[in-house]
Amino acid sequence: MKSKERIFQIAEEIAFVKVLASNDLSLRNRAIKKLHRWIAAKSQNPNTAFTDDDFIRLWEGLFFSMWMSDKPLIQVSILVSTFPIGSIDVSSHGIVLFA
């Protein structure tokens, strides 16, 4: 991947992390809705496959999104709506990294 494309991709991921970690509930909710489509689109294209660093940035955003949603039932609903079982095809390498 070209360096300019990679820089743009990293900037996009960092923007996602910032919005997921926002203290504004409406911003976090919109980001969570977009996150599923973004992950599905990114995992379909071999040129934009997830790297170890991508998973770390994504994990940080989700961690802080959970942190800002302090009630367990809200956290569960975020996880269920963001990652419906079987809806995203991620490589076994990606699953091991994310777990």
PDB file of N, CA and C in Angstrom:
ATOM      1  N   MET A   1       0.852  -1.173   0.000  1.00  0.00           N
ATOM      2  CA  MET A   1       0.000   0.000   0.000  1.00  0.00           C
ATOM      3  C   MET A   1       0.898   1.236   0.000  1.00  0.00           C
ATOM      4  N   LYS A   2       0.511   2.217  -0.751  1.00  0.00           N
ATOM      5  CA  LYS A   2       1.294   3.438  -0.826  1.00  0.00           C
ATOM      6  C   LYS A   2       1.269   4.154   0.514  1.00  0.00           C
ATOM      7  N   SER A   3       2.342   4.907   0.774  1.00  0.00           N
ATOM      8  CA  SER A   3       2.455   5.544   2.084  1.00  0.00           C
ATOM      9  C   SER A   3       1.367   6.592   2.321  1.00  0.00           C
ATOM     10  N   LYS A   4       0.975   7.350   1.296  1.00  0.00           N
ATOM     11  CA  LYS A   4      -0.076   8.353   1.482  1.00  0.00           C
ATOM     12  C   LYS A   4      -1.412   7.690   1.793  1.00  0.00           C
ATOM     13  N   GLU A   5      -1.702   6.584   1.128  1.00  0.00           N
ATOM     14  CA  GLU A   5      -2.937   5.848   1.407  1.00  0.00           C
ATOM     15  C   GLU A   5      -2.919   5.300   2.830  1.00  0.00           C
ATOM     16  N   ARG A   6      -1.769   4.793   3.240  1.00  0.00           N
ATOM     17  CA  ARG A   6      -1.640   4.247   4.602  1.00  0.00           C
ATOM     18  C   ARG A   6      -1.811   5.352   5.645  1.00  0.00           C
ATOM     19  N   ILE A   7      -1.240   6.509   5.394  1.00  0.00           N
ATOM     20  CA  ILE A   7      -1.390   7.640   6.317  1.00  0.00           C
ATOM     21  C   ILE A   7      -2.852   8.044   6.416  1.00  0.00           C
ATOM     22  N   PHE A   8      -3.552   8.080   5.283  1.00  0.00           N
ATOM     23  CA  PHE A   8      -4.975   8.415   5.294  1.00  0.00           C
ATOM     24  C   PHE A   8      -5.763   7.374   6.080  1.00  0.00           C
ATOM     25  N   GLN A   9      -5.426   6.107   5.891  1.00  0.00           N
ATOM     26  CA  GLN A   9      -6.113   5.028   6.595  1.00  0.00           C
ATOM     27  C   GLN A   9      -5.892   5.136   8.104  1.00  0.00           C
ATOM     28  N   ILE A  10      -4.677   5.422   8.531  1.00  0.00           N
ATOM     29  CA  ILE A  10      -4.390   5.574   9.961  1.00  0.00           C
ATOM     30  C   ILE A  10      -5.132   6.772  10.530  1.00  0.00           C
ATOM     31  N   ALA A  11      -5.166   7.870   9.783  1.00  0.00           N
ATOM     32  CA  ALA A  11      -5.896   9.054  10.241  1.00  0.00           C
ATOM     33  C   ALA A  11      -7.383   8.747  10.396  1.00  0.00           C
ATOM     34  N   GLU A  12      -7.937   7.962   9.483  1.00  0.00           N
ATOM     35  CA  GLU A  12      -9.344   7.559   9.569  1.00  0.00           C
ATOM     36  C   GLU A  12      -9.591   6.719  10.820  1.00  0.00           C
ATOM     37  N   GLU A  13      -8.683   5.805  11.120  1.00  0.00           N
ATOM     38  CA  GLU A  13      -8.828   4.965  12.306  1.00  0.00           C
ATOM     39  C   GLU A  13      -8.726   5.790  13.582  1.00  0.00           C
ATOM     40  N   ILE A  14      -7.802   6.731  13.619  1.00  0.00           N
ATOM     41  CA  ILE A  14      -7.645   7.586  14.794  1.00  0.00           C
ATOM     42  C   ILE A  14      -8.888   8.439  15.000  1.00  0.00           C
ATOM     43  N   ALA A  15      -9.470   8.927  13.918  1.00  0.00           N
ATOM     44  CA  ALA A  15     -10.708   9.705  14.032  1.00  0.00           C
ATOM     45  C   ALA A  15     -11.824   8.838  14.612  1.00  0.00           C
ATOM     46  N   PHE A  16     -11.909   7.579  14.187  1.00  0.00           N
ATOM     47  CA  PHE A  16     -12.900   6.658  14.742  1.00  0.00           C
ATOM     48  C   PHE A  16     -12.689   6.478  16.245  1.00  0.00           C
ATOM     49  N   VAL A  17     -11.439   6.285  16.643  1.00  0.00           N
ATOM     50  CA  VAL A  17     -11.123   6.083  18.053  1.00  0.00           C
ATOM     51  C   VAL A  17     -11.539   7.297  18.874  1.00  0.00           C
ATOM     52  N   LYS A  18     -11.261   8.484  18.367  1.00  0.00           N
ATOM     53  CA  LYS A  18     -11.620   9.703  19.100  1.00  0.00           C
ATOM     54  C   LYS A  18     -13.124   9.823  19.284  1.00  0.00           C
ATOM     55  N   VAL A  19     -13.880   9.504  18.246  1.00  0.00           N
ATOM     56  CA  VAL A  19     -15.337   9.618  18.351  1.00  0.00           C
ATOM     57  C   VAL A  19     -15.892   8.516  19.257  1.00  0.00           C
ATOM     58  N   LEU A  20     -15.337   7.303  19.179  1.00  0.00           N
ATOM     59  CA  LEU A  20     -15.791   6.225  20.056  1.00  0.00           C
ATOM     60  C   LEU A  20     -15.518   6.545  21.526  1.00  0.00           C
ATOM     61  N   ALA A  21     -14.462   7.303  21.791  1.00  0.00           N
ATOM     62  CA  ALA A  21     -14.102   7.656  23.163  1.00  0.00           C
ATOM     63  C   ALA A  21     -14.704   8.985  23.603  1.00  0.00           C
ATOM     64  N   SER A  22     -15.535   9.578  22.793  1.00  0.00           N
ATOM     65  CA  SER A  22     -16.130  10.879  23.111  1.00  0.00           C
ATOM     66  C   SER A  22     -17.028  10.788  24.340  1.00  0.00           C
ATOM     67  N   ASN A  23     -17.115  11.899  25.070  1.00  0.00           N
ATOM     68  CA  ASN A  23     -18.039  11.916  26.208  1.00  0.00           C
ATOM     69  C   ASN A  23     -19.452  12.309  25.784  1.00  0.00           C
ATOM     70  N   ASP A  24     -19.649  12.606  24.513  1.00  0.00           N
ATOM     71  CA  ASP A  24     -20.974  12.932  23.976  1.00  0.00           C
ATOM     72  C   ASP A  24     -21.647  11.636  23.512  1.00  0.00           C
ATOM     73  N   LEU A  25     -22.729  11.279  24.167  1.00  0.00           N
ATOM     74  CA  LEU A  25     -23.412  10.015  23.882  1.00  0.00           C
ATOM     75  C   LEU A  25     -23.891   9.919  22.439  1.00  0.00           C
ATOM     76  N   SER A  26     -24.422  10.997  21.892  1.00  0.00           N
ATOM     77  CA  SER A  26     -24.932  10.934  20.515  1.00  0.00           C
ATOM     78  C   SER A  26     -23.802  10.687  19.516  1.00  0.00           C
ATOM     79  N   LEU A  27     -22.635  11.281  19.754  1.00  0.00           N
ATOM     80  CA  LEU A  27     -21.485  11.023  18.872  1.00  0.00           C
ATOM     81  C   LEU A  27     -21.052   9.561  18.961  1.00  0.00           C
ATOM     82  N   ARG A  28     -20.978   9.037  20.177  1.00  0.00           N
ATOM     83  CA  ARG A  28     -20.583   7.633  20.346  1.00  0.00           C
ATOM     84  C   ARG A  28     -21.572   6.701  19.673  1.00  0.00           C
ATOM     85  N   ASN A  29     -22.860   6.980  19.814  1.00  0.00           N
ATOM     86  CA  ASN A  29     -23.876   6.120  19.190  1.00  0.00           C
ATOM     87  C   ASN A  29     -23.766   6.128  17.673  1.00  0.00           C
ATOM     88  N   ARG A  30     -23.535   7.304  17.091  1.00  0.00           N
ATOM     89  CA  ARG A  30     -23.370   7.370  15.631  1.00  0.00           C
ATOM     90  C   ARG A  30     -22.118   6.628  15.190  1.00  0.00           C
ATOM     91  N   ALA A  31     -21.036   6.765  15.956  1.00  0.00           N
ATOM     92  CA  ALA A  31     -19.792   6.081  15.602  1.00  0.00           C
ATOM     93  C   ALA A  31     -19.955   4.569  15.675  1.00  0.00           C
ATOM     94  N   ILE A  32     -20.685   4.096  16.661  1.00  0.00           N
ATOM     95  CA  ILE A  32     -20.898   2.656  16.800  1.00  0.00           C
ATOM     96  C   ILE A  32     -21.724   2.123  15.637  1.00  0.00           C
ATOM     97  N   LYS A  33     -22.700   2.890  15.183  1.00  0.00           N
ATOM     98  CA  LYS A  33     -23.502   2.464  14.031  1.00  0.00           C
ATOM     99  C   LYS A  33     -22.655   2.386  12.764  1.00  0.00           C
ATOM    100  N   LYS A  34     -21.729   3.329  12.602  1.00  0.00           N
ATOM    101  CA  LYS A  34     -20.872   3.339  11.414  1.00  0.00           C
ATOM    102  C   LYS A  34     -19.760   2.297  11.500  1.00  0.00           C
ATOM    103  N   LEU A  35     -19.393   1.921  12.717  1.00  0.00           N
ATOM    104  CA  LEU A  35     -18.264   1.023  12.916  1.00  0.00           C
ATOM    105  C   LEU A  35     -18.473  -0.335  12.251  1.00  0.00           C
ATOM    106  N   HIS A  36     -19.645  -0.894  12.376  1.00  0.00           N
ATOM    107  CA  HIS A  36     -19.915  -2.211  11.791  1.00  0.00           C
ATOM    108  C   HIS A  36     -19.731  -2.178  10.279  1.00  0.00           C
ATOM    109  N   ARG A  37     -20.292  -1.168   9.626  1.00  0.00           N
ATOM    110  CA  ARG A  37     -20.147  -1.056   8.159  1.00  0.00           C
ATOM    111  C   ARG A  37     -18.688  -0.853   7.778  1.00  0.00           C
ATOM    112  N   TRP A  38     -17.968  -0.059   8.562  1.00  0.00           N
ATOM    113  CA  TRP A  38     -16.564   0.233   8.269  1.00  0.00           C
ATOM    114  C   TRP A  38     -15.717  -1.030   8.382  1.00  0.00           C
ATOM    115  N   ILE A  39     -15.931  -1.817   9.434  1.00  0.00           N
ATOM    116  CA  ILE A  39     -15.162  -3.057   9.612  1.00  0.00           C
ATOM    117  C   ILE A  39     -15.477  -4.043   8.493  1.00  0.00           C
ATOM    118  N   ALA A  40     -16.755  -4.170   8.152  1.00  0.00           N
ATOM    119  CA  ALA A  40     -17.140  -5.093   7.082  1.00  0.00           C
ATOM    120  C   ALA A  40     -16.511  -4.679   5.756  1.00  0.00           C
ATOM    121  N   ALA A  41     -16.538  -3.393   5.435  1.00  0.00           N
ATOM    122  CA  ALA A  41     -15.954  -2.914   4.179  1.00  0.00           C
ATOM    123  C   ALA A  41     -14.446  -3.108   4.173  1.00  0.00           C
ATOM    124  N   LYS A  42     -13.806  -2.821   5.282  1.00  0.00           N
ATOM    125  CA  LYS A  42     -12.352  -2.943   5.366  1.00  0.00           C
ATOM    126  C   LYS A  42     -11.908  -4.400   5.284  1.00  0.00           C
ATOM    127  N   SER A  43     -12.667  -5.307   5.864  1.00  0.00           N
ATOM    128  CA  SER A  43     -12.268  -6.713   5.845  1.00  0.00           C
ATOM    129  C   SER A  43     -12.537  -7.375   4.495  1.00  0.00           C
ATOM    130  N   GLN A  44     -13.378  -6.795   3.650  1.00  0.00           N
ATOM    131  CA  GLN A  44     -13.672  -7.358   2.334  1.00  0.00           C
ATOM    132  C   GLN A  44     -12.573  -7.066   1.316  1.00  0.00           C
ATOM    133  N   ASN A  45     -11.842  -5.973   1.508  1.00  0.00           N
ATOM    134  CA  ASN A  45     -10.833  -5.549   0.548  1.00  0.00           C
ATOM    135  C   ASN A  45      -9.452  -6.013   1.012  1.00  0.00           C
ATOM    136  N   PRO A  46      -8.768  -6.879   0.244  1.00  0.00           N
ATOM    137  CA  PRO A  46      -7.453  -7.365   0.675  1.00  0.00           C
ATOM    138  C   PRO A  46      -6.396  -6.262   0.755  1.00  0.00           C
ATOM    139  N   ASN A  47      -6.592  -5.175   0.028  1.00  0.00           N
ATOM    140  CA  ASN A  47      -5.620  -4.080   0.078  1.00  0.00           C
ATOM    141  C   ASN A  47      -5.707  -3.288   1.376  1.00  0.00           C
ATOM    142  N   THR A  48      -6.827  -3.390   2.070  1.00  0.00           N
ATOM    143  CA  THR A  48      -6.995  -2.640   3.317  1.00  0.00           C
ATOM    144  C   THR A  48      -7.184  -3.575   4.504  1.00  0.00           C
ATOM    145  N   ALA A  49      -6.585  -4.754   4.437  1.00  0.00           N
ATOM    146  CA  ALA A  49      -6.730  -5.729   5.520  1.00  0.00           C
ATOM    147  C   ALA A  49      -6.189  -5.157   6.828  1.00  0.00           C
ATOM    148  N   PHE A  50      -6.740  -5.629   7.929  1.00  0.00           N
ATOM    149  CA  PHE A  50      -6.327  -5.149   9.242  1.00  0.00           C
ATOM    150  C   PHE A  50      -4.908  -5.602   9.565  1.00  0.00           C
ATOM    151  N   THR A  51      -4.153  -4.709  10.157  1.00  0.00           N
ATOM    152  CA  THR A  51      -2.822  -5.039  10.664  1.00  0.00           C
ATOM    153  C   THR A  51      -2.903  -5.107  12.188  1.00  0.00           C
ATOM    154  N   ASP A  52      -1.807  -5.508  12.807  1.00  0.00           N
ATOM    155  CA  ASP A  52      -1.770  -5.557  14.271  1.00  0.00           C
ATOM    156  C   ASP A  52      -2.061  -4.184  14.871  1.00  0.00           C
ATOM    157  N   ASP A  53      -1.456  -3.145  14.304  1.00  0.00           N
ATOM    158  CA  ASP A  53      -1.668  -1.787  14.813  1.00  0.00           C
ATOM    159  C   ASP A  53      -3.111  -1.330  14.626  1.00  0.00           C
ATOM    160  N   ASP A  54      -3.733  -1.740  13.530  1.00  0.00           N
ATOM    161  CA  ASP A  54      -5.143  -1.388  13.302  1.00  0.00           C
ATOM    162  C   ASP A  54      -6.024  -1.975  14.400  1.00  0.00           C
ATOM    163  N   PHE A  55      -5.758  -3.233  14.742  1.00  0.00           N
ATOM    164  CA  PHE A  55      -6.547  -3.873  15.790  1.00  0.00           C
ATOM    165  C   PHE A  55      -6.335  -3.193  17.139  1.00  0.00           C
ATOM    166  N   ILE A  56      -5.128  -2.764  17.400  1.00  0.00           N
ATOM    167  CA  ILE A  56      -4.858  -2.078  18.670  1.00  0.00           C
ATOM    168  C   ILE A  56      -5.611  -0.756  18.732  1.00  0.00           C
ATOM    169  N   ARG A  57      -5.588   0.015  17.641  1.00  0.00           N
ATOM    170  CA  ARG A  57      -6.323   1.289  17.629  1.00  0.00           C
ATOM    171  C   ARG A  57      -7.823   1.053  17.786  1.00  0.00           C
ATOM    172  N   LEU A  58      -8.343   0.067  17.099  1.00  0.00           N
ATOM    173  CA  LEU A  58      -9.766  -0.248  17.201  1.00  0.00           C
ATOM    174  C   LEU A  58     -10.119  -0.700  18.615  1.00  0.00           C
ATOM    175  N   TRP A  59      -9.275  -1.527  19.202  1.00  0.00           N
ATOM    176  CA  TRP A  59      -9.508  -1.989  20.563  1.00  0.00           C
ATOM    177  C   TRP A  59      -9.540  -0.808  21.528  1.00  0.00           C
ATOM    178  N   GLU A  60      -8.615   0.146  21.360  1.00  0.00           N
ATOM    179  CA  GLU A  60      -8.592   1.317  22.246  1.00  0.00           C
ATOM    180  C   GLU A  60      -9.896   2.104  22.153  1.00  0.00           C
ATOM    181  N   GLY A  61     -10.383   2.302  20.948  1.00  0.00           N
ATOM    182  CA  GLY A  61     -11.635   3.033  20.784  1.00  0.00           C
ATOM    183  C   GLY A  61     -12.802   2.317  21.431  1.00  0.00           C
ATOM    184  N   LEU A  62     -12.876   1.001  21.238  1.00  0.00           N
ATOM    185  CA  LEU A  62     -13.957   0.230  21.851  1.00  0.00           C
ATOM    186  C   LEU A  62     -13.829   0.193  23.372  1.00  0.00           C
ATOM    187  N   PHE A  63     -12.608   0.105  23.858  1.00  0.00           N
ATOM    188  CA  PHE A  63     -12.391   0.112  25.305  1.00  0.00           C
ATOM    189  C   PHE A  63     -12.917   1.402  25.921  1.00  0.00           C
ATOM    190  N   PHE A  64     -12.560   2.534  25.336  1.00  0.00           N
ATOM    191  CA  PHE A  64     -13.001   3.799  25.906  1.00  0.00           C
ATOM    192  C   PHE A  64     -14.488   4.041  25.685  1.00  0.00           C
ATOM    193  N   SER A  65     -15.038   3.482  24.630  1.00  0.00           N
ATOM    194  CA  SER A  65     -16.483   3.561  24.440  1.00  0.00           C
ATOM    195  C   SER A  65     -17.190   2.804  25.561  1.00  0.00           C
ATOM    196  N   MET A  66     -16.670   1.642  25.915  1.00  0.00           N
ATOM    197  CA  MET A  66     -17.231   0.886  27.041  1.00  0.00           C
ATOM    198  C   MET A  66     -17.021   1.634  28.350  1.00  0.00           C
ATOM    199  N   TRP A  67     -15.876   2.253  28.493  1.00  0.00           N
ATOM    200  CA  TRP A  67     -15.559   3.001  29.704  1.00  0.00           C
ATOM    201  C   TRP A  67     -16.565   4.139  29.909  1.00  0.00           C
ATOM    202  N   MET A  68     -16.909   4.821  28.831  1.00  0.00           N
ATOM    203  CA  MET A  68     -17.837   5.947  28.923  1.00  0.00           C
ATOM    204  C   MET A  68     -19.277   5.464  29.129  1.00  0.00           C
ATOM    205  N   SER A  69     -19.570   4.232  28.750  1.00  0.00           N
ATOM    206  CA  SER A  69     -20.904   3.644  28.969  1.00  0.00           C
ATOM    207  C   SER A  69     -20.816   2.806  30.236  1.00  0.00           C
ATOM    208  N   ASP A  70     -21.101   3.413  31.364  1.00  0.00           N
ATOM    209  CA  ASP A  70     -20.765   2.789  32.641  1.00  0.00           C
ATOM    210  C   ASP A  70     -21.756   1.749  33.141  1.00  0.00           C
ATOM    211  N   LYS A  71     -22.851   1.547  32.482  1.00  0.00           N
ATOM    212  CA  LYS A  71     -23.830   0.557  32.937  1.00  0.00           C
ATOM    213  C   LYS A  71     -23.661  -0.738  32.129  1.00  0.00           C
ATOM    214  N   PRO A  72     -23.606  -1.894  32.814  1.00  0.00           N
ATOM    215  CA  PRO A  72     -23.359  -3.166  32.119  1.00  0.00           C
ATOM    216  C   PRO A  72     -24.362  -3.485  31.014  1.00  0.00           C
ATOM    217  N   LEU A  73     -25.635  -3.196  31.215  1.00  0.00           N
ATOM    218  CA  LEU A  73     -26.617  -3.505  30.170  1.00  0.00           C
ATOM    219  C   LEU A  73     -26.389  -2.660  28.924  1.00  0.00           C
ATOM    220  N   ILE A  74     -25.964  -1.426  29.105  1.00  0.00           N
ATOM    221  CA  ILE A  74     -25.651  -0.566  27.956  1.00  0.00           C
ATOM    222  C   ILE A  74     -24.433  -1.109  27.228  1.00  0.00           C
ATOM    223  N   GLN A  75     -23.438  -1.565  27.983  1.00  0.00           N
ATOM    224  CA  GLN A  75     -22.239  -2.129  27.370  1.00  0.00           C
ATOM    225  C   GLN A  75     -22.574  -3.375  26.552  1.00  0.00           C
ATOM    226  N   VAL A  76     -23.416  -4.221  27.084  1.00  0.00           N
ATOM    227  CA  VAL A  76     -23.812  -5.435  26.364  1.00  0.00           C
ATOM    228  C   VAL A  76     -24.564  -5.074  25.091  1.00  0.00           C
ATOM    229  N   SER A  77     -25.466  -4.106  25.169  1.00  0.00           N
ATOM    230  CA  SER A  77     -26.222  -3.725  23.967  1.00  0.00           C
ATOM    231  C   SER A  77     -25.305  -3.128  22.905  1.00  0.00           C
ATOM    232  N   ILE A  78     -24.279  -2.395  23.324  1.00  0.00           N
ATOM    233  CA  ILE A  78     -23.309  -1.850  22.365  1.00  0.00           C
ATOM    234  C   ILE A  78     -22.575  -2.994  21.671  1.00  0.00           C
ATOM    235  N   LEU A  79     -22.108  -3.959  22.432  1.00  0.00           N
ATOM    236  CA  LEU A  79     -21.372  -5.078  21.833  1.00  0.00           C
ATOM    237  C   LEU A  79     -22.244  -5.901  20.901  1.00  0.00           C
ATOM    238  N   VAL A  80     -23.465  -6.182  21.312  1.00  0.00           N
ATOM    239  CA  VAL A  80     -24.359  -6.999  20.484  1.00  0.00           C
ATOM    240  C   VAL A  80     -24.723  -6.269  19.199  1.00  0.00           C
ATOM    241  N   SER A  81     -24.976  -4.963  19.287  1.00  0.00           N
ATOM    242  CA  SER A  81     -25.348  -4.223  18.079  1.00  0.00           C
ATOM    243  C   SER A  81     -24.151  -3.969  17.172  1.00  0.00           C
ATOM    244  N   THR A  82     -22.957  -3.860  17.752  1.00  0.00           N
ATOM    245  CA  THR A  82     -21.771  -3.590  16.947  1.00  0.00           C
ATOM    246  C   THR A  82     -21.266  -4.843  16.256  1.00  0.00           C
ATOM    247  N   PHE A  83     -21.286  -5.958  16.949  1.00  0.00           N
ATOM    248  CA  PHE A  83     -20.727  -7.194  16.418  1.00  0.00           C
ATOM    249  C   PHE A  83     -21.731  -8.338  16.489  1.00  0.00           C
ATOM    250  N   PRO A  84     -22.764  -8.320  15.639  1.00  0.00           N
ATOM    251  CA  PRO A  84     -23.675  -9.471  15.611  1.00  0.00           C
ATOM    252  C   PRO A  84     -22.897 -10.720  15.201  1.00  0.00           C
ATOM    253  N   ILE A  85     -23.155 -11.814  15.863  1.00  0.00           N
ATOM    254  CA  ILE A  85     -22.386 -13.042  15.626  1.00  0.00           C
ATOM    255  C   ILE A  85     -22.538 -13.485  14.176  1.00  0.00           C
ATOM    256  N   GLY A  86     -21.399 -13.729  13.533  1.00  0.00           N
ATOM    257  CA  GLY A  86     -21.397 -14.238  12.177  1.00  0.00           C
ATOM    258  C   GLY A  86     -21.590 -13.196  11.091  1.00  0.00           C
ATOM    259  N   SER A  87     -21.649 -11.931  11.440  1.00  0.00           N
ATOM    260  CA  SER A  87     -21.922 -10.929  10.413  1.00  0.00           C
ATOM    261  C   SER A  87     -20.666 -10.370   9.765  1.00  0.00           C
ATOM    262  N   ILE A  88     -19.513 -10.596  10.384  1.00  0.00           N
ATOM    263  CA  ILE A  88     -18.272 -10.044   9.850  1.00  0.00           C
ATOM    264  C   ILE A  88     -17.309 -11.191   9.592  1.00  0.00           C
ATOM    265  N   ASP A  89     -16.751 -11.230   8.398  1.00  0.00           N
ATOM    266  CA  ASP A  89     -15.798 -12.262   8.038  1.00  0.00           C
ATOM    267  C   ASP A  89     -14.394 -11.710   8.257  1.00  0.00           C
ATOM    268  N   VAL A  90     -13.782 -12.082   9.354  1.00  0.00           N
ATOM    269  CA  VAL A  90     -12.430 -11.640   9.671  1.00  0.00           C
ATOM    270  C   VAL A  90     -11.547 -12.870   9.661  1.00  0.00           C
ATOM    271  N   SER A  91     -10.307 -12.707   9.218  1.00  0.00           N
ATOM    272  CA  SER A  91      -9.391 -13.842   9.146  1.00  0.00           C
ATOM    273  C   SER A  91      -9.136 -14.416  10.537  1.00  0.00           C
ATOM    274  N   SER A  92      -8.678 -15.661  10.579  1.00  0.00           N
ATOM    275  CA  SER A  92      -8.377 -16.285  11.871  1.00  0.00           C
ATOM    276  C   SER A  92      -7.254 -15.529  12.572  1.00  0.00           C
ATOM    277  N   HIS A  93      -6.325 -14.963  11.814  1.00  0.00           N
ATOM    278  CA  HIS A  93      -5.257 -14.147  12.392  1.00  0.00           C
ATOM    279  C   HIS A  93      -5.855 -12.936  13.097  1.00  0.00           C
ATOM    280  N   GLY A  94      -6.838 -12.308  12.468  1.00  0.00           N
ATOM    281  CA  GLY A  94      -7.489 -11.152  13.073  1.00  0.00           C
ATOM    282  C   GLY A  94      -8.255 -11.510  14.324  1.00  0.00           C
ATOM    283  N   ILE A  95      -8.889 -12.659  14.326  1.00  0.00           N
ATOM    284  CA  ILE A  95      -9.642 -13.089  15.506  1.00  0.00           C
ATOM    285  C   ILE A  95      -8.694 -13.334  16.668  1.00  0.00           C
ATOM    286  N   VAL A  96      -7.563 -13.968  16.409  1.00  0.00           N
ATOM    287  CA  VAL A  96      -6.588 -14.221  17.466  1.00  0.00           C
ATOM    288  C   VAL A  96      -6.045 -12.906  17.999  1.00  0.00           C
ATOM    289  N   LEU A  97      -5.753 -11.960  17.122  1.00  0.00           N
ATOM    290  CA  LEU A  97      -5.236 -10.669  17.566  1.00  0.00           C
ATOM    291  C   LEU A  97      -6.254  -9.915  18.396  1.00  0.00           C
ATOM    292  N   PHE A  98      -7.512  -9.954  17.989  1.00  0.00           N
ATOM    293  CA  PHE A  98      -8.534  -9.170  18.668  1.00  0.00           C
ATOM    294  C   PHE A  98      -8.934  -9.796  19.995  1.00  0.00           C
ATOM    295  N   ALA A  99      -8.798 -11.103  20.117  1.00  0.00           N
ATOM    296  CA  ALA A  99      -9.155 -11.780  21.375  1.00  0.00           C
ATOM    297  C   ALA A  99      -8.069 -11.573  22.359  1.00  0.00           C
TER     298      ALA A  99
END
